[in-house]
């Protein structure tokens, strides 16, 4: 139980670090690119 809580706190800290270092614009651009690739893959099948 303590281990999973520790993991959760590490994950949230890591997430905060990532959000501090990567601008929101960059994140949304990455998400859009991933979605476009996913859609392109769907259409190719």
N, C-alpha and C. Protein backbone atom coordinates (compact mmCIF):
# COMPACT_ATOMS: atom_id res chain seq x y z
N UNK A 1 0.85 -1.21 0.00
CA UNK A 1 0.00 0.00 0.00
C UNK A 1 0.88 1.26 0.00
N UNK A 2 1.84 1.28 0.90
CA UNK A 2 2.73 2.43 0.97
C UNK A 2 3.50 2.60 -0.34
N UNK A 3 3.84 1.45 -0.95
CA UNK A 3 4.59 1.50 -2.20
C UNK A 3 3.78 2.18 -3.30
N UNK A 4 2.51 1.82 -3.43
CA UNK A 4 1.68 2.41 -4.48
C UNK A 4 1.48 3.91 -4.24
N UNK A 5 1.36 4.30 -2.97
CA UNK A 5 1.23 5.73 -2.66
C UNK A 5 2.49 6.47 -3.05
N UNK A 6 3.63 5.84 -2.77
CA UNK A 6 4.91 6.44 -3.13
C UNK A 6 4.98 6.61 -4.64
N UNK A 7 4.57 5.57 -5.37
CA UNK A 7 4.58 5.65 -6.82
C UNK A 7 3.68 6.78 -7.32
N UNK A 8 2.53 6.92 -6.70
CA UNK A 8 1.61 7.98 -7.09
C UNK A 8 2.23 9.35 -6.89
N UNK A 9 2.89 9.55 -5.75
CA UNK A 9 3.49 10.85 -5.48
C UNK A 9 4.64 11.12 -6.45
N UNK A 10 5.41 10.07 -6.77
CA UNK A 10 6.50 10.23 -7.74
C UNK A 10 5.92 10.61 -9.10
N UNK A 11 4.86 9.91 -9.51
CA UNK A 11 4.23 10.20 -10.80
C UNK A 11 3.73 11.63 -10.87
N UNK A 12 3.06 12.09 -9.80
CA UNK A 12 2.53 13.45 -9.83
C UNK A 12 3.66 14.48 -9.85
N UNK A 13 4.74 14.19 -9.12
CA UNK A 13 5.89 15.10 -9.15
C UNK A 13 6.52 15.14 -10.54
N UNK A 14 6.63 13.98 -11.15
CA UNK A 14 7.20 13.89 -12.50
C UNK A 14 6.31 14.66 -13.47
N UNK A 15 5.01 14.50 -13.32
CA UNK A 15 4.05 15.18 -14.19
C UNK A 15 4.19 16.69 -14.05
N UNK A 16 4.34 17.16 -12.82
CA UNK A 16 4.52 18.60 -12.58
C UNK A 16 5.79 19.10 -13.24
N UNK A 17 6.87 18.32 -13.13
CA UNK A 17 8.14 18.70 -13.76
C UNK A 17 7.97 18.82 -15.27
N UNK A 18 7.33 17.82 -15.83
CA UNK A 18 7.12 17.81 -17.28
C UNK A 18 6.32 19.03 -17.71
N UNK A 19 5.26 19.32 -16.96
CA UNK A 19 4.42 20.47 -17.32
C UNK A 19 5.16 21.79 -17.17
N UNK A 20 6.09 21.85 -16.21
CA UNK A 20 6.89 23.07 -16.05
C UNK A 20 7.83 23.25 -17.23
N UNK A 21 8.41 22.14 -17.69
CA UNK A 21 9.44 22.22 -18.72
C UNK A 21 8.89 22.31 -20.13
N UNK A 22 7.72 21.74 -20.36
CA UNK A 22 7.16 21.74 -21.72
C UNK A 22 5.98 22.71 -21.79
N UNK A 23 6.07 23.70 -22.67
CA UNK A 23 4.97 24.65 -22.82
C UNK A 23 3.68 23.97 -23.29
N UNK A 24 2.56 24.51 -22.88
CA UNK A 24 1.26 23.92 -23.25
C UNK A 24 1.08 23.84 -24.76
N UNK A 25 1.53 24.88 -25.47
CA UNK A 25 1.41 24.87 -26.92
C UNK A 25 2.08 23.64 -27.51
N UNK A 26 3.26 23.32 -26.97
CA UNK A 26 4.01 22.18 -27.48
C UNK A 26 3.29 20.88 -27.20
N UNK A 27 2.69 20.78 -26.00
CA UNK A 27 1.94 19.57 -25.65
C UNK A 27 0.76 19.39 -26.59
N UNK A 28 -0.02 20.46 -26.81
CA UNK A 28 -1.19 20.34 -27.66
C UNK A 28 -0.79 20.03 -29.10
N UNK A 29 0.34 20.58 -29.54
CA UNK A 29 0.84 20.27 -30.88
C UNK A 29 1.18 18.79 -30.99
N UNK A 30 1.82 18.25 -29.96
CA UNK A 30 2.15 16.82 -29.95
C UNK A 30 0.89 15.97 -29.99
N UNK A 31 -0.09 16.36 -29.19
CA UNK A 31 -1.36 15.61 -29.14
C UNK A 31 -2.03 15.64 -30.51
N UNK A 32 -2.08 16.81 -31.13
CA UNK A 32 -2.69 16.93 -32.45
C UNK A 32 -1.99 16.06 -33.47
N UNK A 33 -0.65 16.05 -33.41
CA UNK A 33 0.12 15.24 -34.35
C UNK A 33 -0.19 13.76 -34.16
N UNK A 34 -0.25 13.33 -32.91
CA UNK A 34 -0.56 11.93 -32.62
C UNK A 34 -1.96 11.57 -33.13
N UNK A 35 -2.92 12.46 -32.91
CA UNK A 35 -4.28 12.21 -33.38
C UNK A 35 -4.33 12.13 -34.90
N UNK A 36 -3.61 13.03 -35.57
CA UNK A 36 -3.58 13.00 -37.04
C UNK A 36 -2.99 11.70 -37.55
N UNK A 37 -1.91 11.25 -36.91
CA UNK A 37 -1.29 9.97 -37.30
C UNK A 37 -2.26 8.82 -37.09
N UNK A 38 -2.97 8.86 -35.96
CA UNK A 38 -3.94 7.81 -35.64
C UNK A 38 -5.04 7.77 -36.70
N UNK A 39 -5.55 8.95 -37.06
CA UNK A 39 -6.60 9.04 -38.07
C UNK A 39 -6.09 8.59 -39.43
N UNK A 40 -4.88 9.01 -39.78
CA UNK A 40 -4.29 8.61 -41.05
C UNK A 40 -4.15 7.10 -41.10
N UNK A 41 -3.73 6.49 -40.01
CA UNK A 41 -3.60 5.04 -39.92
C UNK A 41 -4.94 4.35 -40.11
N UNK A 42 -5.99 4.95 -39.53
CA UNK A 42 -7.33 4.39 -39.67
C UNK A 42 -7.79 4.41 -41.11
N UNK A 43 -7.52 5.52 -41.78
CA UNK A 43 -7.98 5.66 -43.17
C UNK A 43 -7.20 4.74 -44.12
N UNK A 44 -5.94 4.47 -43.78
CA UNK A 44 -5.14 3.62 -44.65
C UNK A 44 -5.59 2.16 -44.60
N UNK A 45 -6.19 1.74 -43.48
CA UNK A 45 -6.56 0.32 -43.34
C UNK A 45 -7.69 -0.10 -44.25
